[in-house]
């Protein structure tokens, strides 16, 4: 007679029991990387913990994960837009020292800022005043608000813009460069009036501003009043036409009576 074999009651080894779990984890990581869901991968355990503690239903868990992924992607996109905007210093409206600039109409500026109509109505903003009074800081604050609310803005100084436009003429890429600067909304052009402008550059700058007129928002700072722009543009006809385009749908903030903040901020 053959002996009856005894049932095998041996428990699987610990290493064998963890293999499926490890395999699933590797597959999950690979799938999340493929789908570019880095935030979900980074917070996987945290989401499961919250779902367990909150006794989430399957539907609620999926909704929670989707909401968190959307939030993370929106935040990453916002930070990327800021990074690509060429902003030299991130000056937020909350940090502007209005108390040190008593002759500046804070209520008017904040009404422009809070209404957001400079973006919704494509309304230009121009700051005119002496060096160091806070023009660039305010323009940057308006730019950052637009970026944080989903717009793709850009910061460029007037000399840098002229150089890029002039170089585009030399290498015959003018249409490409114009298209690039036309796409930004808003576009900050800082320090208008600090350099002399060649006749060809005046025409290029006018073309850019003309094409942006009532289509995209332009934020400009200048140390010279409009009546003085002819001193560096050297073209009375184009100067008049340019100012007409800028101011026909524009808020002009005069800061000529404001004092320099640079010495005060350094104290």
Protein backbone atom coordinates (compact mmCIF):
# COMPACT_ATOMS: atom_id res chain seq x y z
CA UNK A 1 0.00 0.00 0.00
CA UNK A 2 1.17 3.41 -0.77
CA UNK A 3 1.28 5.84 2.09
CA UNK A 4 -1.05 8.83 1.90
CA UNK A 5 0.90 12.03 1.56
CA UNK A 6 0.43 14.63 4.24
CA UNK A 7 -0.97 18.02 3.21
CA UNK A 8 1.65 20.70 2.88
CA UNK A 9 0.86 23.24 5.59
CA UNK A 10 4.08 25.16 5.18
CA UNK A 11 3.57 28.93 5.06
CA UNK A 12 5.05 30.85 2.14
CA UNK A 13 8.26 32.56 2.97
CA UNK A 14 8.21 36.27 3.74
CA UNK A 15 10.32 37.05 0.70
CA UNK A 16 7.84 35.26 -1.58
CA UNK A 17 4.81 37.06 -0.07
CA UNK A 18 6.35 40.47 -0.67
CA UNK A 19 7.23 39.81 -4.31
CA UNK A 20 3.72 40.53 -5.72
CA UNK A 21 3.50 43.72 -3.67
CA UNK A 22 6.93 44.85 -4.84
CA UNK A 23 6.05 43.97 -8.42
CA UNK A 24 2.84 46.01 -8.26
CA UNK A 25 4.72 48.95 -6.76
CA UNK A 26 7.26 48.88 -9.58
CA UNK A 27 4.50 48.67 -12.17
CA UNK A 28 2.60 51.51 -10.50
CA UNK A 29 5.67 53.73 -10.47
CA UNK A 30 6.33 52.97 -14.14
CA UNK A 31 2.72 53.73 -15.12
CA UNK A 32 2.60 56.98 -13.15
CA UNK A 33 5.88 58.11 -14.70
CA UNK A 34 4.55 57.26 -18.16
CA UNK A 35 1.41 59.30 -17.45
CA UNK A 36 3.55 62.08 -15.91
CA UNK A 37 1.63 61.94 -12.65
CA UNK A 38 4.55 62.76 -10.42
CA UNK A 39 2.40 64.38 -7.76
CA UNK A 40 0.24 61.27 -7.47
CA UNK A 41 3.34 59.11 -7.16
CA UNK A 42 4.84 61.36 -4.49
CA UNK A 43 1.61 61.40 -2.46
CA UNK A 44 0.37 57.85 -3.09
CA UNK A 45 0.75 56.63 0.49
CA UNK A 46 -0.63 59.88 1.91
CA UNK A 47 -3.74 59.65 -0.28
CA UNK A 48 -4.35 56.05 0.77
CA UNK A 49 -3.89 57.00 4.42
CA UNK A 50 -6.37 59.87 4.13
CA UNK A 51 -8.83 57.63 2.31
CA UNK A 52 -8.56 55.02 5.08
CA UNK A 53 -8.97 57.50 7.91
CA UNK A 54 -11.83 59.26 6.16
CA UNK A 55 -13.48 56.05 5.04
CA UNK A 56 -13.65 57.35 1.48
CA UNK A 57 -15.88 55.56 -0.98
CA UNK A 58 -14.28 54.60 -4.29
CA UNK A 59 -16.00 57.56 -5.96
CA UNK A 60 -14.87 60.00 -3.29
CA UNK A 61 -11.30 58.73 -3.43
CA UNK A 62 -11.16 59.16 -7.21
CA UNK A 63 -12.63 62.66 -6.95
CA UNK A 64 -10.13 63.59 -4.24
CA UNK A 65 -7.16 62.32 -6.30
CA UNK A 66 -8.35 64.14 -9.43
CA UNK A 67 -8.77 67.40 -7.53
CA UNK A 68 -5.31 67.10 -5.98
CA UNK A 69 -3.73 66.32 -9.37
CA UNK A 70 -5.42 69.30 -10.99
CA UNK A 71 -4.31 71.56 -8.16
CA UNK A 72 -0.72 70.33 -8.43
CA UNK A 73 -0.61 70.75 -12.21
CA UNK A 74 -2.06 74.24 -12.00
CA UNK A 75 0.51 75.24 -9.39
CA UNK A 76 3.38 73.78 -11.41
CA UNK A 77 2.14 75.61 -14.50
CA UNK A 78 1.93 78.88 -12.56
CA UNK A 79 5.48 78.55 -11.27
CA UNK A 80 6.72 77.67 -14.76
CA UNK A 81 5.04 80.76 -16.25
CA UNK A 82 6.74 82.88 -13.59
CA UNK A 83 10.08 81.25 -14.32
CA UNK A 84 9.78 81.89 -18.06
CA UNK A 85 8.62 85.50 -17.73
CA UNK A 86 12.17 86.92 -17.49
CA UNK A 87 11.28 88.89 -14.35
CA UNK A 88 14.45 90.26 -12.69
CA UNK A 89 12.89 90.61 -9.22
CA UNK A 90 9.59 89.17 -8.02
CA UNK A 91 7.99 92.26 -6.52
CA UNK A 92 4.49 91.51 -5.24
CA UNK A 93 1.82 94.17 -4.72
CA UNK A 94 1.55 93.16 -1.05
CA UNK A 95 5.14 94.27 -0.45
CA UNK A 96 5.02 97.66 -2.21
CA UNK A 97 5.81 100.42 0.34
CA UNK A 98 2.84 102.72 -0.27
CA UNK A 99 3.42 104.28 3.15
CA UNK A 100 6.79 105.57 1.90
CA UNK A 101 5.22 107.11 -1.21
CA UNK A 102 2.42 109.31 0.21
CA UNK A 103 1.91 111.27 -3.03
CA UNK A 104 0.99 108.10 -4.91
CA UNK A 105 -2.74 107.44 -5.24
CA UNK A 106 -2.89 104.01 -3.65
CA UNK A 107 -6.67 103.70 -3.95
CA UNK A 108 -6.60 104.32 -7.71
CA UNK A 109 -3.77 101.84 -8.31
CA UNK A 110 -5.45 99.16 -6.25
CA UNK A 111 -8.74 99.69 -8.10
CA UNK A 112 -6.92 99.02 -11.39
CA UNK A 113 -5.22 96.01 -9.84
CA UNK A 114 -8.25 94.46 -8.13
CA UNK A 115 -10.68 94.94 -11.02
CA UNK A 116 -8.29 93.09 -13.37
CA UNK A 117 -9.78 95.05 -16.26
CA UNK A 118 -6.31 95.82 -17.54
CA UNK A 119 -6.37 92.19 -18.69
CA UNK A 120 -10.04 91.54 -19.42
CA UNK A 121 -10.34 94.77 -21.47
CA UNK A 122 -6.75 94.72 -22.83
CA UNK A 123 -6.13 98.11 -21.24
CA UNK A 124 -2.55 99.37 -21.19
CA UNK A 125 -0.92 100.78 -18.07
CA UNK A 126 1.84 103.40 -18.23
CA UNK A 127 3.86 104.61 -15.25
CA UNK A 128 5.67 107.94 -15.72
CA UNK A 129 8.07 109.26 -13.12
CA UNK A 130 11.65 109.71 -11.94
CA UNK A 131 14.13 106.90 -11.44
CA UNK A 132 13.67 104.77 -8.32
CA UNK A 133 10.13 105.83 -7.42
CA UNK A 134 8.65 102.31 -7.79
CA UNK A 135 7.45 102.19 -11.39
CA UNK A 136 9.10 98.85 -12.16
CA UNK A 137 7.89 97.35 -8.89
CA UNK A 138 4.27 98.23 -9.64
CA UNK A 139 4.48 97.04 -13.25
CA UNK A 140 5.96 93.76 -12.02
CA UNK A 141 3.17 93.33 -9.48
CA UNK A 142 0.54 93.74 -12.20
CA UNK A 143 2.44 91.28 -14.40
CA UNK A 144 2.68 88.69 -11.62
CA UNK A 145 -1.03 88.89 -10.89
CA UNK A 146 -1.81 88.19 -14.55
CA UNK A 147 0.63 85.27 -14.62
CA UNK A 148 -0.83 83.79 -11.44
CA UNK A 149 -4.29 84.00 -12.99
CA UNK A 150 -3.29 81.95 -16.01
CA UNK A 151 -1.81 84.43 -18.49
CA UNK A 152 1.58 84.08 -20.19
CA UNK A 153 3.35 87.37 -19.55
CA UNK A 154 6.89 88.60 -20.11
CA UNK A 155 9.24 91.30 -18.81
CA UNK A 156 11.74 93.07 -21.05
CA UNK A 157 13.60 96.36 -20.78
CA UNK A 158 13.25 98.84 -23.61
CA UNK A 159 16.94 98.55 -24.62
CA UNK A 160 16.70 94.73 -24.66
CA UNK A 161 13.56 94.85 -26.77
CA UNK A 162 15.14 97.23 -29.29
CA UNK A 163 18.23 95.05 -29.49
CA UNK A 164 16.19 91.94 -30.21
CA UNK A 165 14.08 93.71 -32.83
CA UNK A 166 17.17 95.22 -34.48
CA UNK A 167 18.96 91.84 -34.50
CA UNK A 168 15.88 90.29 -36.08
CA UNK A 169 16.19 92.70 -38.99
CA UNK A 170 19.83 91.71 -39.47
CA UNK A 171 19.17 87.96 -39.60
CA UNK A 172 15.79 88.31 -41.35
CA UNK A 173 13.80 86.82 -38.47
CA UNK A 174 11.75 89.95 -37.83
CA UNK A 175 8.39 88.24 -38.38
CA UNK A 176 9.31 85.47 -35.92
CA UNK A 177 10.46 87.89 -33.21
CA UNK A 178 7.42 90.13 -33.65
CA UNK A 179 5.15 87.09 -33.40
CA UNK A 180 6.89 86.08 -30.16
CA UNK A 181 6.40 89.48 -28.51
CA UNK A 182 2.85 89.73 -29.83
CA UNK A 183 1.98 86.48 -28.03
CA UNK A 184 2.82 87.73 -24.52
CA UNK A 185 -0.11 89.00 -22.52
CA UNK A 186 0.75 91.13 -20.70
CA UNK A 187 4.11 92.45 -21.90
CA UNK A 188 6.10 94.74 -19.60
CA UNK A 189 8.39 97.18 -21.42
CA UNK A 190 10.55 98.73 -18.72
CA UNK A 191 12.71 101.87 -18.86
CA UNK A 192 11.34 103.43 -22.05
CA UNK A 193 13.38 106.54 -22.76
CA UNK A 194 16.71 105.50 -21.26
CA UNK A 195 18.44 105.01 -24.63
CA UNK A 196 18.58 106.77 -27.99
CA UNK A 197 16.64 105.02 -30.73
CA UNK A 198 17.59 104.60 -34.38
CA UNK A 199 14.97 105.41 -37.00
CA UNK A 200 14.57 101.75 -38.00
CA UNK A 201 14.04 100.76 -34.36
CA UNK A 202 11.35 103.41 -33.95
CA UNK A 203 9.45 101.83 -36.81
CA UNK A 204 9.83 98.34 -35.32
CA UNK A 205 8.65 99.43 -31.88
CA UNK A 206 5.69 101.25 -33.40
CA UNK A 207 4.75 98.15 -35.43
CA UNK A 208 4.80 96.00 -32.30
CA UNK A 209 2.68 98.45 -30.29
CA UNK A 210 0.29 98.93 -33.21
CA UNK A 211 -0.29 95.18 -33.55
CA UNK A 212 -0.80 94.78 -29.81
CA UNK A 213 -3.26 97.69 -29.69
CA UNK A 214 -6.55 96.55 -28.07
CA UNK A 215 -5.46 92.92 -28.59
CA UNK A 216 -2.96 92.41 -25.78
CA UNK A 217 -2.09 94.36 -22.63
CA UNK A 218 1.17 96.32 -22.51
CA UNK A 219 2.62 97.69 -19.26
CA UNK A 220 5.17 100.48 -19.76
CA UNK A 221 7.42 102.42 -17.42
CA UNK A 222 9.28 105.58 -18.40
CA UNK A 223 11.27 108.28 -16.67
CA UNK A 224 10.01 110.80 -19.25
CA UNK A 225 6.58 112.32 -19.76
CA UNK A 226 4.82 111.75 -23.08
CA UNK A 227 5.74 115.28 -24.20
CA UNK A 228 9.43 114.30 -23.92
CA UNK A 229 9.30 111.06 -25.91
CA UNK A 230 10.25 112.86 -29.09
CA UNK A 231 13.67 113.54 -27.52
CA UNK A 232 14.73 109.90 -27.87
CA UNK A 233 12.45 108.63 -30.65
CA UNK A 234 13.49 111.41 -33.08
CA UNK A 235 10.42 110.99 -35.26
CA UNK A 236 7.60 113.40 -34.53
CA UNK A 237 5.05 111.62 -36.70
CA UNK A 238 5.65 108.12 -35.28
CA UNK A 239 5.97 109.48 -31.74
CA UNK A 240 2.55 111.10 -32.00
CA UNK A 241 1.03 107.95 -33.52
CA UNK A 242 2.64 105.72 -30.89
CA UNK A 243 1.39 107.80 -27.96
CA UNK A 244 -2.05 107.93 -29.55
CA UNK A 245 -2.16 104.10 -29.73
CA UNK A 246 -0.92 103.65 -26.18
CA UNK A 247 -3.22 106.18 -24.54
CA UNK A 248 -6.46 105.50 -26.43
CA UNK A 249 -7.11 102.51 -24.16
CA UNK A 250 -4.84 103.16 -21.22
CA UNK A 251 -4.48 104.12 -17.57
CA UNK A 252 -1.59 106.55 -17.07
CA UNK A 253 -0.13 106.76 -13.58
CA UNK A 254 1.85 109.98 -13.07
CA UNK A 255 4.55 109.65 -10.43
CA UNK A 256 6.56 112.82 -11.15
CA UNK A 257 6.03 114.10 -7.60
CA UNK A 258 7.11 110.80 -6.03
CA UNK A 259 10.53 110.44 -4.46
CA UNK A 260 13.12 107.71 -4.89
CA UNK A 261 12.59 104.64 -2.73
CA UNK A 262 16.03 103.17 -3.23
CA UNK A 263 17.75 105.11 -0.49
CA UNK A 264 14.86 104.53 1.90
CA UNK A 265 14.77 100.81 1.28
CA UNK A 266 18.50 100.55 1.85
CA UNK A 267 18.33 102.24 5.24
